[in-house]
Amino acid sequence: MTFKTLTTASVTALILGSGTAFADTWRYAFEEALDEVQGVYAQKFKEEVEANSDHEVQLFPFGTLGESDNIMEQAQSGILQFVNQSPGFTGALIPEAQVFFVPYLLPEDQDQLVSFFRNSETITSIFPELYAEQGLELLKMYPEGEVMLTTKTPVESPADLDNVKVRVMTNPLLVESYRAFGATPTPLPWGETYGGLQTGIIDGQENPAFFIESTRMYEVTDHITRLGHNNFTTALMANQEFFAGLDEADQQVIQAAADAAFDHIIDYQQGLTETALEAIMEAKPDMTVTTLTEEQRAPFRETAADVEATFLEIGGPRAQEVLDQMKADLEAAAAG
């Protein structure tokens, strides 16, 4: 059975067969393995819910119930109570969420980044309304780590990306971002990425260092480039009908668990990038890791305005509002 052939009936059977299925068992799927960032977040969320209520949280790591589009459909239909998914995929449902793929918008400074995710009016006020329109209760957005580009050839300028096929999520703005960088963006399901690099269907991909290391993307690429262009964002959501049907006490338990898991995952990420890069170099000593200088990044930064303009064209009816408020939130985070 492939991920794509999972039907509602087979998913339901898989869930019911994997543990108790009482009314107080809540099902939570995510896009990574248990020992990766989303999995660590999910485990903390589960721990907090179960410590503070009579409910059980059942976790379904990547691949258990299909690809990202599969688990989102299951969350919207109510098969799953919770889903953790990047705006890279929810951007198809909520075009305004694509704002997270405007390059060089999010800060590199970790303190500013965390402040933004904690206090952003965009995240706490605007996005919950947009997610609700799709039957989703937005509980928390959080960063996963600096996005890095892995390729088979060195990258020091946009010219080095000419004719380089870079795997991207099926997100129009991410496609536009890599096209602006000079690459040939190639949407591809994550499950096909390693094989695509092996066979030459694609020449590169982007992800945080921990994910490059844990999924062994370094085995089929030779160079890691730190463009400084983004930090991977993800979000925890609940099925809105499920959440609205809970009593206030259970809703508070869930929100408190999401908040506690946020604090935990921020602490967990301290030093994670460096540790992952060290592990990669130990496993493959001839791998190169290049941090571009500000001078080298300049031509990449110059593309941001064009990508931003594209966002305003394709980012939905509230794109301008989202972008303006997000910039104000980022200025507030920078000001401390």
C-alpha atoms as a PDB file:
ATOM      1  CA  MET A   1       0.000   0.000   0.000  1.00  0.00           C
ATOM      2  CA  THR A   2       1.377   3.384  -0.906  1.00  0.00           C
ATOM      3  CA  PHE A   3       0.752   6.577   1.046  1.00  0.00           C
ATOM      4  CA  LYS A   4      -1.387   7.920  -1.796  1.00  0.00           C
ATOM      5  CA  THR A   5      -3.728   4.916  -1.810  1.00  0.00           C
ATOM      6  CA  LEU A   6      -4.730   5.220   1.830  1.00  0.00           C
ATOM      7  CA  THR A   7      -8.518   5.586   1.893  1.00  0.00           C
ATOM      8  CA  THR A   8     -10.658   6.978   4.676  1.00  0.00           C
ATOM      9  CA  ALA A   9     -11.737   3.453   5.532  1.00  0.00           C
ATOM     10  CA  SER A  10      -8.198   2.071   5.641  1.00  0.00           C
ATOM     11  CA  VAL A  11      -6.952   5.007   7.704  1.00  0.00           C
ATOM     12  CA  THR A  12      -9.797   4.563  10.170  1.00  0.00           C
ATOM     13  CA  ALA A  13      -9.046   0.839  10.415  1.00  0.00           C
ATOM     14  CA  LEU A  14      -5.354   1.566  10.969  1.00  0.00           C
ATOM     15  CA  ILE A  15      -6.109   4.041  13.736  1.00  0.00           C
ATOM     16  CA  LEU A  16      -8.618   1.803  15.482  1.00  0.00           C
ATOM     17  CA  GLY A  17      -6.246  -1.124  15.265  1.00  0.00           C
ATOM     18  CA  SER A  18      -3.298   0.769  16.703  1.00  0.00           C
ATOM     19  CA  GLY A  19      -4.567   1.298  20.199  1.00  0.00           C
ATOM     20  CA  THR A  20      -7.599   2.071  22.311  1.00  0.00           C
ATOM     21  CA  ALA A  21     -10.254   4.048  20.501  1.00  0.00           C
ATOM     22  CA  PHE A  22     -12.380   5.392  23.327  1.00  0.00           C
ATOM     23  CA  ALA A  23     -13.927   8.854  23.092  1.00  0.00           C
ATOM     24  CA  ASP A  24     -11.174  10.289  25.276  1.00  0.00           C
ATOM     25  CA  THR A  25      -8.403   9.109  22.944  1.00  0.00           C
ATOM     26  CA  TRP A  26      -7.227  12.048  20.801  1.00  0.00           C
ATOM     27  CA  ARG A  27      -5.299  11.360  17.601  1.00  0.00           C
ATOM     28  CA  TYR A  28      -2.402  13.602  16.523  1.00  0.00           C
ATOM     29  CA  ALA A  29      -0.416  13.255  13.274  1.00  0.00           C
ATOM     30  CA  PHE A  30       2.680  15.166  12.189  1.00  0.00           C
ATOM     31  CA  GLU A  31       5.178  15.411   9.325  1.00  0.00           C
ATOM     32  CA  GLU A  32       8.342  14.118  10.976  1.00  0.00           C
ATOM     33  CA  ALA A  33       9.700  11.211  13.014  1.00  0.00           C
ATOM     34  CA  LEU A  34       9.277  10.945  16.785  1.00  0.00           C
ATOM     35  CA  ASP A  35      12.868  12.023  17.420  1.00  0.00           C
ATOM     36  CA  GLU A  36      12.689  15.069  15.129  1.00  0.00           C
ATOM     37  CA  VAL A  37      11.454  18.528  16.119  1.00  0.00           C
ATOM     38  CA  GLN A  38       7.757  18.002  15.417  1.00  0.00           C
ATOM     39  CA  GLY A  39       7.936  14.638  17.156  1.00  0.00           C
ATOM     40  CA  VAL A  40       9.609  16.122  20.227  1.00  0.00           C
ATOM     41  CA  TYR A  41       6.949  18.831  20.317  1.00  0.00           C
ATOM     42  CA  ALA A  42       4.186  16.221  19.973  1.00  0.00           C
ATOM     43  CA  GLN A  43       5.586  14.082  22.785  1.00  0.00           C
ATOM     44  CA  LYS A  44       5.675  17.070  25.146  1.00  0.00           C
ATOM     45  CA  PHE A  45       2.113  17.999  24.143  1.00  0.00           C
ATOM     46  CA  LYS A  46       0.990  14.414  24.839  1.00  0.00           C
ATOM     47  CA  GLU A  47       2.791  14.397  28.188  1.00  0.00           C
ATOM     48  CA  GLU A  48       1.117  17.632  29.286  1.00  0.00           C
ATOM     49  CA  VAL A  49      -2.378  16.622  28.189  1.00  0.00           C
ATOM     50  CA  GLU A  50      -2.157  13.235  29.882  1.00  0.00           C
ATOM     51  CA  ALA A  51      -0.703  14.726  33.069  1.00  0.00           C
ATOM     52  CA  ASN A  52      -3.489  17.273  33.371  1.00  0.00           C
ATOM     53  CA  SER A  53      -6.553  15.365  32.177  1.00  0.00           C
ATOM     54  CA  ASP A  54      -8.003  11.872  31.826  1.00  0.00           C
ATOM     55  CA  HIS A  55      -7.449  11.916  28.077  1.00  0.00           C
ATOM     56  CA  GLU A  56      -4.921   9.960  26.018  1.00  0.00           C
ATOM     57  CA  VAL A  57      -3.086  11.351  22.975  1.00  0.00           C
ATOM     58  CA  GLN A  58      -2.149   8.882  20.251  1.00  0.00           C
ATOM     59  CA  LEU A  59       0.768  10.006  18.059  1.00  0.00           C
ATOM     60  CA  PHE A  60       1.167   9.210  14.360  1.00  0.00           C
ATOM     61  CA  PRO A  61       4.594  10.139  12.921  1.00  0.00           C
ATOM     62  CA  PHE A  62       5.282  10.813   9.237  1.00  0.00           C
ATOM     63  CA  GLY A  63       4.306   8.006   6.904  1.00  0.00           C
ATOM     64  CA  THR A  64       1.992   6.259   9.357  1.00  0.00           C
ATOM     65  CA  LEU A  65      -1.104   7.772   7.774  1.00  0.00           C
ATOM     66  CA  GLY A  66       0.329   9.088   4.514  1.00  0.00           C
ATOM     67  CA  GLU A  67       1.923  12.277   3.218  1.00  0.00           C
ATOM     68  CA  SER A  68       1.162  15.819   4.386  1.00  0.00           C
ATOM     69  CA  ASP A  69      -1.915  16.260   2.212  1.00  0.00           C
ATOM     70  CA  ASN A  70      -3.352  12.979   3.549  1.00  0.00           C
ATOM     71  CA  ILE A  71      -3.106  13.943   7.213  1.00  0.00           C
ATOM     72  CA  MET A  72      -4.568  17.390   6.565  1.00  0.00           C
ATOM     73  CA  GLU A  73      -7.603  15.806   4.887  1.00  0.00           C
ATOM     74  CA  GLN A  74      -7.960  13.461   7.854  1.00  0.00           C
ATOM     75  CA  ALA A  75      -7.817  16.370  10.304  1.00  0.00           C
ATOM     76  CA  GLN A  76     -10.414  18.363   8.370  1.00  0.00           C
ATOM     77  CA  SER A  77     -12.731  15.342   8.187  1.00  0.00           C
ATOM     78  CA  GLY A  78     -12.416  14.651  11.925  1.00  0.00           C
ATOM     79  CA  ILE A  79     -10.547  11.336  11.689  1.00  0.00           C
ATOM     80  CA  LEU A  80      -7.708  13.144  13.437  1.00  0.00           C
ATOM     81  CA  GLN A  81      -8.184  15.600  16.285  1.00  0.00           C
ATOM     82  CA  PHE A  82      -4.771  17.255  15.809  1.00  0.00           C
ATOM     83  CA  VAL A  83      -2.403  17.793  12.911  1.00  0.00           C
ATOM     84  CA  ASN A  84       1.014  19.460  12.824  1.00  0.00           C
ATOM     85  CA  GLN A  85       1.814  20.825   9.370  1.00  0.00           C
ATOM     86  CA  SER A  86       3.977  23.475   7.759  1.00  0.00           C
ATOM     87  CA  PRO A  87       2.399  26.471   5.990  1.00  0.00           C
ATOM     88  CA  GLY A  88       4.275  25.096   3.003  1.00  0.00           C
ATOM     89  CA  PHE A  89       1.385  22.673   2.619  1.00  0.00           C
ATOM     90  CA  THR A  90      -1.453  24.599   4.270  1.00  0.00           C
ATOM     91  CA  GLY A  91      -0.679  27.434   1.850  1.00  0.00           C
ATOM     92  CA  ALA A  92      -2.818  25.570  -0.671  1.00  0.00           C
ATOM     93  CA  LEU A  93      -5.783  25.965   1.691  1.00  0.00           C
ATOM     94  CA  ILE A  94      -4.799  29.279   3.263  1.00  0.00           C
ATOM     95  CA  PRO A  95      -2.889  31.347   0.676  1.00  0.00           C
ATOM     96  CA  GLU A  96      -1.996  34.006   3.244  1.00  0.00           C
ATOM     97  CA  ALA A  97       0.137  31.403   5.091  1.00  0.00           C
ATOM     98  CA  GLN A  98       2.584  31.544   2.178  1.00  0.00           C
ATOM     99  CA  VAL A  99       3.969  34.753   3.696  1.00  0.00           C
ATOM    100  CA  PHE A 100       6.438  32.548   5.586  1.00  0.00           C
ATOM    101  CA  PHE A 101       8.205  31.889   2.270  1.00  0.00           C
ATOM    102  CA  VAL A 102       9.095  35.473   1.487  1.00  0.00           C
ATOM    103  CA  PRO A 103      12.908  35.192   1.746  1.00  0.00           C
ATOM    104  CA  TYR A 104      14.801  37.181   4.363  1.00  0.00           C
ATOM    105  CA  LEU A 105      11.595  38.220   6.123  1.00  0.00           C
ATOM    106  CA  LEU A 106      12.107  36.269   9.362  1.00  0.00           C
ATOM    107  CA  PRO A 107      15.104  37.297  11.505  1.00  0.00           C
ATOM    108  CA  GLU A 108      18.203  35.151  11.924  1.00  0.00           C
ATOM    109  CA  ASP A 109      18.584  36.284  15.529  1.00  0.00           C
ATOM    110  CA  GLN A 110      17.061  33.519  17.656  1.00  0.00           C
ATOM    111  CA  ASP A 111      15.810  35.805  20.444  1.00  0.00           C
ATOM    112  CA  GLN A 112      14.003  38.025  17.947  1.00  0.00           C
ATOM    113  CA  LEU A 113      12.598  34.988  16.184  1.00  0.00           C
ATOM    114  CA  VAL A 114      11.207  33.486  19.389  1.00  0.00           C
ATOM    115  CA  SER A 115       9.786  36.847  20.464  1.00  0.00           C
ATOM    116  CA  PHE A 116       8.002  37.111  17.132  1.00  0.00           C
ATOM    117  CA  PHE A 117       6.424  33.665  17.435  1.00  0.00           C
ATOM    118  CA  ARG A 118       5.383  34.307  21.037  1.00  0.00           C
ATOM    119  CA  ASN A 119       3.845  37.743  20.545  1.00  0.00           C
ATOM    120  CA  SER A 120       2.917  38.164  16.877  1.00  0.00           C
ATOM    121  CA  GLU A 121      -0.511  39.704  16.279  1.00  0.00           C
ATOM    122  CA  THR A 122      -0.454  38.026  12.870  1.00  0.00           C
ATOM    123  CA  ILE A 123      -0.210  34.604  14.488  1.00  0.00           C
ATOM    124  CA  THR A 124      -2.507  35.209  17.466  1.00  0.00           C
ATOM    125  CA  SER A 125      -5.241  37.253  15.769  1.00  0.00           C
ATOM    126  CA  ILE A 126      -5.281  37.074  11.966  1.00  0.00           C
ATOM    127  CA  PHE A 127      -4.225  33.508  11.225  1.00  0.00           C
ATOM    128  CA  PRO A 128      -6.713  31.882  13.649  1.00  0.00           C
ATOM    129  CA  GLU A 129      -9.537  33.486  11.641  1.00  0.00           C
ATOM    130  CA  LEU A 130      -8.080  32.271   8.351  1.00  0.00           C
ATOM    131  CA  TYR A 131      -7.512  28.736   9.628  1.00  0.00           C
ATOM    132  CA  ALA A 132     -11.044  28.649  11.067  1.00  0.00           C
ATOM    133  CA  GLU A 133     -12.436  29.204   7.579  1.00  0.00           C
ATOM    134  CA  GLN A 134     -10.918  25.809   6.698  1.00  0.00           C
ATOM    135  CA  GLY A 135     -12.332  24.023   9.728  1.00  0.00           C
ATOM    136  CA  LEU A 136      -9.084  24.248  11.697  1.00  0.00           C
ATOM    137  CA  GLU A 137      -8.347  25.643  15.146  1.00  0.00           C
ATOM    138  CA  LEU A 138      -4.833  27.136  15.103  1.00  0.00           C
ATOM    139  CA  LEU A 139      -3.224  26.319  18.436  1.00  0.00           C
ATOM    140  CA  LYS A 140       0.434  27.246  17.947  1.00  0.00           C
ATOM    141  CA  MET A 141       2.994  28.228  15.323  1.00  0.00           C
ATOM    142  CA  TYR A 142       6.658  27.641  16.046  1.00  0.00           C
ATOM    143  CA  PRO A 143      10.049  27.690  14.277  1.00  0.00           C
ATOM    144  CA  GLU A 144      12.013  24.512  13.568  1.00  0.00           C
ATOM    145  CA  GLY A 145      15.408  25.851  12.532  1.00  0.00           C
ATOM    146  CA  GLU A 146      17.411  27.698   9.910  1.00  0.00           C
ATOM    147  CA  VAL A 147      16.663  26.446   6.406  1.00  0.00           C
ATOM    148  CA  MET A 148      19.742  25.264   4.492  1.00  0.00           C
ATOM    149  CA  LEU A 149      20.156  24.268   0.864  1.00  0.00           C
ATOM    150  CA  THR A 150      21.786  20.940   0.010  1.00  0.00           C
ATOM    151  CA  THR A 151      23.051  20.485  -3.563  1.00  0.00           C
ATOM    152  CA  LYS A 152      25.405  18.366  -5.624  1.00  0.00           C
ATOM    153  CA  THR A 153      27.449  21.395  -6.738  1.00  0.00           C
ATOM    154  CA  PRO A 154      28.697  24.404  -4.726  1.00  0.00           C
ATOM    155  CA  VAL A 155      26.467  27.483  -4.427  1.00  0.00           C
ATOM    156  CA  GLU A 156      27.930  30.924  -3.802  1.00  0.00           C
ATOM    157  CA  SER A 157      25.729  33.070  -6.056  1.00  0.00           C
ATOM    158  CA  PRO A 158      22.439  32.895  -7.982  1.00  0.00           C
ATOM    159  CA  ALA A 159      24.449  32.016 -11.089  1.00  0.00           C
ATOM    160  CA  ASP A 160      25.464  28.755  -9.400  1.00  0.00           C
ATOM    161  CA  LEU A 161      21.778  27.741  -9.284  1.00  0.00           C
ATOM    162  CA  ASP A 162      21.265  28.078 -13.022  1.00  0.00           C
ATOM    163  CA  ASN A 163      19.539  24.879 -14.246  1.00  0.00           C
ATOM    164  CA  VAL A 164      19.776  23.377 -10.737  1.00  0.00           C
ATOM    165  CA  LYS A 165      16.545  21.504  -9.976  1.00  0.00           C
ATOM    166  CA  VAL A 166      15.685  22.159  -6.328  1.00  0.00           C
ATOM    167  CA  ARG A 167      12.942  20.120  -4.699  1.00  0.00           C
ATOM    168  CA  VAL A 168      10.328  22.341  -3.058  1.00  0.00           C
ATOM    169  CA  MET A 169       7.034  21.745  -1.331  1.00  0.00           C
ATOM    170  CA  THR A 170       3.975  22.238  -3.515  1.00  0.00           C
ATOM    171  CA  ASN A 171       3.702  25.894  -2.547  1.00  0.00           C
ATOM    172  CA  PRO A 172       3.441  28.597  -5.236  1.00  0.00           C
ATOM    173  CA  LEU A 173       5.406  31.218  -3.313  1.00  0.00           C
ATOM    174  CA  LEU A 174       8.231  28.819  -2.453  1.00  0.00           C
ATOM    175  CA  VAL A 175       8.394  27.945  -6.148  1.00  0.00           C
ATOM    176  CA  GLU A 176       8.593  31.647  -6.972  1.00  0.00           C
ATOM    177  CA  SER A 177      11.289  32.205  -4.333  1.00  0.00           C
ATOM    178  CA  TYR A 178      13.624  29.586  -5.814  1.00  0.00           C
ATOM    179  CA  ARG A 179      12.865  30.739  -9.338  1.00  0.00           C
ATOM    180  CA  ALA A 180      13.923  34.243  -8.243  1.00  0.00           C
ATOM    181  CA  PHE A 181      17.118  32.744  -6.796  1.00  0.00           C
ATOM    182  CA  GLY A 182      17.912  31.409 -10.272  1.00  0.00           C
ATOM    183  CA  ALA A 183      17.078  27.747  -9.661  1.00  0.00           C
ATOM    184  CA  THR A 184      14.562  25.440 -11.335  1.00  0.00           C
ATOM    185  CA  PRO A 185      12.070  24.747  -8.530  1.00  0.00           C
ATOM    186  CA  THR A 186      10.664  21.228  -8.705  1.00  0.00           C
ATOM    187  CA  PRO A 187       7.664  20.350  -6.499  1.00  0.00           C
ATOM    188  CA  LEU A 188       7.970  16.783  -5.247  1.00  0.00           C
ATOM    189  CA  PRO A 189       6.423  14.805  -2.353  1.00  0.00           C
ATOM    190  CA  TRP A 190       8.893  14.411   0.484  1.00  0.00           C
ATOM    191  CA  GLY A 191       8.779  10.624   0.243  1.00  0.00           C
ATOM    192  CA  GLU A 192      10.282  10.839  -3.256  1.00  0.00           C
ATOM    193  CA  THR A 193      13.064  13.303  -2.450  1.00  0.00           C
ATOM    194  CA  TYR A 194      15.919  10.937  -1.520  1.00  0.00           C
ATOM    195  CA  GLY A 195      15.297   8.770  -4.577  1.00  0.00           C
ATOM    196  CA  GLY A 196      14.941  11.849  -6.750  1.00  0.00           C
ATOM    197  CA  LEU A 197      18.398  13.034  -5.671  1.00  0.00           C
ATOM    198  CA  GLN A 198      19.839   9.575  -6.323  1.00  0.00           C
ATOM    199  CA  THR A 199      18.451   9.385  -9.831  1.00  0.00           C
ATOM    200  CA  GLY A 200      18.998  13.004 -10.841  1.00  0.00           C
ATOM    201  CA  ILE A 201      15.338  13.966 -11.063  1.00  0.00           C
ATOM    202  CA  ILE A 202      16.352  16.775  -8.701  1.00  0.00           C
ATOM    203  CA  ASP A 203      19.730  18.277  -7.777  1.00  0.00           C
ATOM    204  CA  GLY A 204      19.013  19.739  -4.356  1.00  0.00           C
ATOM    205  CA  GLN A 205      16.543  20.386  -1.560  1.00  0.00           C
ATOM    206  CA  GLU A 206      16.133  22.664   1.471  1.00  0.00           C
ATOM    207  CA  ASN A 207      15.524  21.872   5.133  1.00  0.00           C
ATOM    208  CA  PRO A 208      16.867  22.579   8.633  1.00  0.00           C
ATOM    209  CA  ALA A 209      20.145  20.860   9.530  1.00  0.00           C
ATOM    210  CA  PHE A 210      18.562  18.365  11.952  1.00  0.00           C
ATOM    211  CA  PHE A 211      16.280  17.116   9.172  1.00  0.00           C
ATOM    212  CA  ILE A 212      19.096  16.925   6.630  1.00  0.00           C
ATOM    213  CA  GLU A 213      21.014  14.791   9.131  1.00  0.00           C
ATOM    214  CA  SER A 214      18.188  12.536  10.314  1.00  0.00           C
ATOM    215  CA  THR A 215      16.891  11.838   6.782  1.00  0.00           C
ATOM    216  CA  ARG A 216      20.458  11.362   5.442  1.00  0.00           C
ATOM    217  CA  MET A 217      20.042  13.874   2.643  1.00  0.00           C
ATOM    218  CA  TYR A 218      23.801  14.414   2.866  1.00  0.00           C
ATOM    219  CA  GLU A 219      24.309  10.936   1.412  1.00  0.00           C
ATOM    220  CA  VAL A 220      22.923  12.044  -1.953  1.00  0.00           C
ATOM    221  CA  THR A 221      24.229  15.635  -2.008  1.00  0.00           C
ATOM    222  CA  ASP A 222      27.694  17.097  -1.477  1.00  0.00           C
ATOM    223  CA  HIS A 223      27.261  20.702  -0.376  1.00  0.00           C
ATOM    224  CA  ILE A 224      25.270  22.509   2.300  1.00  0.00           C
ATOM    225  CA  THR A 225      24.798  26.243   1.808  1.00  0.00           C
ATOM    226  CA  ARG A 226      23.573  28.591   4.523  1.00  0.00           C
ATOM    227  CA  LEU A 227      21.858  31.363   2.588  1.00  0.00           C
ATOM    228  CA  GLY A 228      20.292  32.807   5.737  1.00  0.00           C
ATOM    229  CA  HIS A 229      17.025  33.206   3.862  1.00  0.00           C
ATOM    230  CA  ASN A 230      14.498  31.529   6.136  1.00  0.00           C
ATOM    231  CA  ASN A 231      13.589  29.547   9.228  1.00  0.00           C
ATOM    232  CA  PHE A 232      11.268  26.572   8.839  1.00  0.00           C
ATOM    233  CA  THR A 233       7.852  27.337  10.322  1.00  0.00           C
ATOM    234  CA  THR A 234       5.239  24.807  11.368  1.00  0.00           C
ATOM    235  CA  ALA A 235       1.865  24.847  13.089  1.00  0.00           C
ATOM    236  CA  LEU A 236      -0.245  22.706  15.402  1.00  0.00           C
ATOM    237  CA  MET A 237      -3.948  22.686  14.565  1.00  0.00           C
ATOM    238  CA  ALA A 238      -7.051  20.960  15.875  1.00  0.00           C
ATOM    239  CA  ASN A 239     -10.183  19.945  14.037  1.00  0.00           C
ATOM    240  CA  GLN A 240     -12.389  22.946  14.791  1.00  0.00           C
ATOM    241  CA  GLU A 241     -15.615  21.024  15.319  1.00  0.00           C
ATOM    242  CA  PHE A 242     -13.852  18.732  17.793  1.00  0.00           C
ATOM    243  CA  PHE A 243     -12.281  21.650  19.657  1.00  0.00           C
ATOM    244  CA  ALA A 244     -15.493  23.693  19.786  1.00  0.00           C
ATOM    245  CA  GLY A 245     -17.333  20.677  21.208  1.00  0.00           C
ATOM    246  CA  LEU A 246     -15.012  20.393  24.220  1.00  0.00           C
ATOM    247  CA  ASP A 247     -15.798  21.947  27.556  1.00  0.00           C
ATOM    248  CA  GLU A 248     -13.761  24.957  28.631  1.00  0.00           C
ATOM    249  CA  ALA A 249     -11.555  22.897  30.953  1.00  0.00           C
ATOM    250  CA  ASP A 250     -10.431  20.592  28.155  1.00  0.00           C
ATOM    251  CA  GLN A 251      -9.834  23.527  25.824  1.00  0.00           C
ATOM    252  CA  GLN A 252      -7.621  25.097  28.480  1.00  0.00           C
ATOM    253  CA  VAL A 253      -5.707  21.820  28.926  1.00  0.00           C
ATOM    254  CA  ILE A 254      -5.022  21.702  25.192  1.00  0.00           C
ATOM    255  CA  GLN A 255      -3.908  25.313  24.947  1.00  0.00           C
ATOM    256  CA  ALA A 256      -1.690  24.975  28.027  1.00  0.00           C
ATOM    257  CA  ALA A 257      -0.126  21.839  26.522  1.00  0.00           C
ATOM    258  CA  ALA A 258       0.540  23.664  23.237  1.00  0.00           C
ATOM    259  CA  ASP A 259       2.177  26.519  25.162  1.00  0.00           C
ATOM    260  CA  ALA A 260       4.304  24.174  27.286  1.00  0.00           C
ATOM    261  CA  ALA A 261       5.396  22.259  24.182  1.00  0.00           C
ATOM    262  CA  PHE A 262       6.392  25.575  22.557  1.00  0.00           C
ATOM    263  CA  ASP A 263       8.670  26.444  25.488  1.00  0.00           C
ATOM    264  CA  HIS A 264      10.094  22.922  25.424  1.00  0.00           C
ATOM    265  CA  ILE A 265      10.846  22.907  21.716  1.00  0.00           C
ATOM    266  CA  ILE A 266      12.561  26.302  21.855  1.00  0.00           C
ATOM    267  CA  ASP A 267      14.857  24.973  24.596  1.00  0.00           C
ATOM    268  CA  TYR A 268      15.372  21.738  22.667  1.00  0.00           C
ATOM    269  CA  GLN A 269      16.591  23.627  19.609  1.00  0.00           C
ATOM    270  CA  GLN A 270      19.460  25.288  21.457  1.00  0.00           C
ATOM    271  CA  GLY A 271      22.609  23.983  19.766  1.00  0.00           C
ATOM    272  CA  LEU A 272      20.607  21.558  17.605  1.00  0.00           C
ATOM    273  CA  THR A 273      21.851  23.002  14.304  1.00  0.00           C
ATOM    274  CA  GLU A 274      25.507  22.799  15.291  1.00  0.00           C
ATOM    275  CA  THR A 275      25.113  19.264  16.636  1.00  0.00           C
ATOM    276  CA  ALA A 276      23.433  18.145  13.418  1.00  0.00           C
ATOM    277  CA  LEU A 277      26.114  19.702  11.220  1.00  0.00           C
ATOM    278  CA  GLU A 278      28.827  18.006  13.286  1.00  0.00           C
ATOM    279  CA  ALA A 279      27.065  14.659  12.866  1.00  0.00           C
ATOM    280  CA  ILE A 280      26.838  15.192   9.112  1.00  0.00           C
ATOM    281  CA  MET A 281      30.547  16.001   8.838  1.00  0.00           C
ATOM    282  CA  GLU A 282      31.436  12.982  10.948  1.00  0.00           C
ATOM    283  CA  ALA A 283      29.339  10.728   8.702  1.00  0.00           C
ATOM    284  CA  LYS A 284      30.627  12.315   5.485  1.00  0.00           C
ATOM    285  CA  PRO A 285      33.915  14.207   6.007  1.00  0.00           C
ATOM    286  CA  ASP A 286      34.075  15.449   2.408  1.00  0.00           C
ATOM    287  CA  MET A 287      30.728  17.251   2.725  1.00  0.00           C
ATOM    288  CA  THR A 288      31.143  21.032   2.551  1.00  0.00           C
ATOM    289  CA  VAL A 289      29.196  23.486   4.702  1.00  0.00           C
ATOM    290  CA  THR A 290      29.351  27.066   3.465  1.00  0.00           C
ATOM    291  CA  THR A 291      27.903  30.091   5.246  1.00  0.00           C
ATOM    292  CA  LEU A 292      27.543  32.838   2.678  1.00  0.00           C
ATOM    293  CA  THR A 293      28.918  36.251   3.611  1.00  0.00           C
ATOM    294  CA  GLU A 294      26.647  39.290   3.637  1.00  0.00           C
ATOM    295  CA  GLU A 295      28.195  40.313   0.341  1.00  0.00           C
ATOM    296  CA  GLN A 296      27.415  36.913  -1.170  1.00  0.00           C
ATOM    297  CA  ARG A 297      23.876  37.017   0.207  1.00  0.00           C
ATOM    298  CA  ALA A 298      23.168  40.457  -1.254  1.00  0.00           C
ATOM    299  CA  PRO A 299      21.984  39.269  -4.704  1.00  0.00           C
ATOM    300  CA  PHE A 300      19.754  36.677  -3.045  1.00  0.00           C
ATOM    301  CA  ARG A 301      18.306  39.347  -0.732  1.00  0.00           C
ATOM    302  CA  GLU A 302      17.543  41.529  -3.726  1.00  0.00           C
ATOM    303  CA  THR A 303      15.009  38.972  -4.931  1.00  0.00           C
ATOM    304  CA  ALA A 304      12.868  39.384  -1.801  1.00  0.00           C
ATOM    305  CA  ALA A 305      10.985  42.415  -3.137  1.00  0.00           C
ATOM    306  CA  ASP A 306       9.842  40.525  -6.232  1.00  0.00           C
ATOM    307  CA  VAL A 307       8.736  37.524  -4.189  1.00  0.00           C
ATOM    308  CA  GLU A 308       6.900  39.832  -1.800  1.00  0.00           C
ATOM    309  CA  ALA A 309       5.072  41.409  -4.750  1.00  0.00           C
ATOM    310  CA  THR A 310       4.075  37.942  -5.928  1.00  0.00           C
ATOM    311  CA  PHE A 311       2.760  37.144  -2.465  1.00  0.00           C
ATOM    312  CA  LEU A 312       0.480  40.175  -2.627  1.00  0.00           C
ATOM    313  CA  GLU A 313      -0.850  38.878  -5.952  1.00  0.00           C
ATOM    314  CA  ILE A 314      -1.456  35.253  -4.955  1.00  0.00           C
ATOM    315  CA  GLY A 315      -1.612  35.382  -1.156  1.00  0.00           C
ATOM    316  CA  GLY A 316      -5.362  35.682  -0.812  1.00  0.00           C
ATOM    317  CA  PRO A 317      -7.715  38.554   0.038  1.00  0.00           C
ATOM    318  CA  ARG A 318      -5.945  39.436   3.297  1.00  0.00           C
ATOM    319  CA  ALA A 319      -2.393  39.224   1.933  1.00  0.00           C
ATOM    320  CA  GLN A 320      -1.665  42.938   2.365  1.00  0.00           C
ATOM    321  CA  GLU A 321      -3.054  42.945   5.897  1.00  0.00           C
ATOM    322  CA  VAL A 322      -1.004  39.876   6.812  1.00  0.00           C
ATOM    323  CA  LEU A 323       2.222  41.260   5.349  1.00  0.00           C
ATOM    324  CA  ASP A 324       1.806  44.680   6.962  1.00  0.00           C
ATOM    325  CA  GLN A 325       1.005  43.261  10.390  1.00  0.00           C
ATOM    326  CA  MET A 326       3.795  40.708  10.139  1.00  0.00           C
ATOM    327  CA  LYS A 327       6.327  43.438   9.402  1.00  0.00           C
ATOM    328  CA  ALA A 328       5.030  45.424  12.375  1.00  0.00           C
ATOM    329  CA  ASP A 329       5.317  42.324  14.572  1.00  0.00           C
ATOM    330  CA  LEU A 330       8.890  41.751  13.387  1.00  0.00           C
ATOM    331  CA  GLU A 331       9.820  45.371  14.107  1.00  0.00           C
ATOM    332  CA  ALA A 332       8.408  44.976  17.626  1.00  0.00           C
ATOM    333  CA  ALA A 333      10.426  41.783  18.125  1.00  0.00           C
ATOM    334  CA  ALA A 334      13.590  43.521  16.944  1.00  0.00           C
ATOM    335  CA  ALA A 335      12.975  46.428  19.303  1.00  0.00           C
ATOM    336  CA  GLY A 336      12.794  44.016  22.203  1.00  0.00           C
END
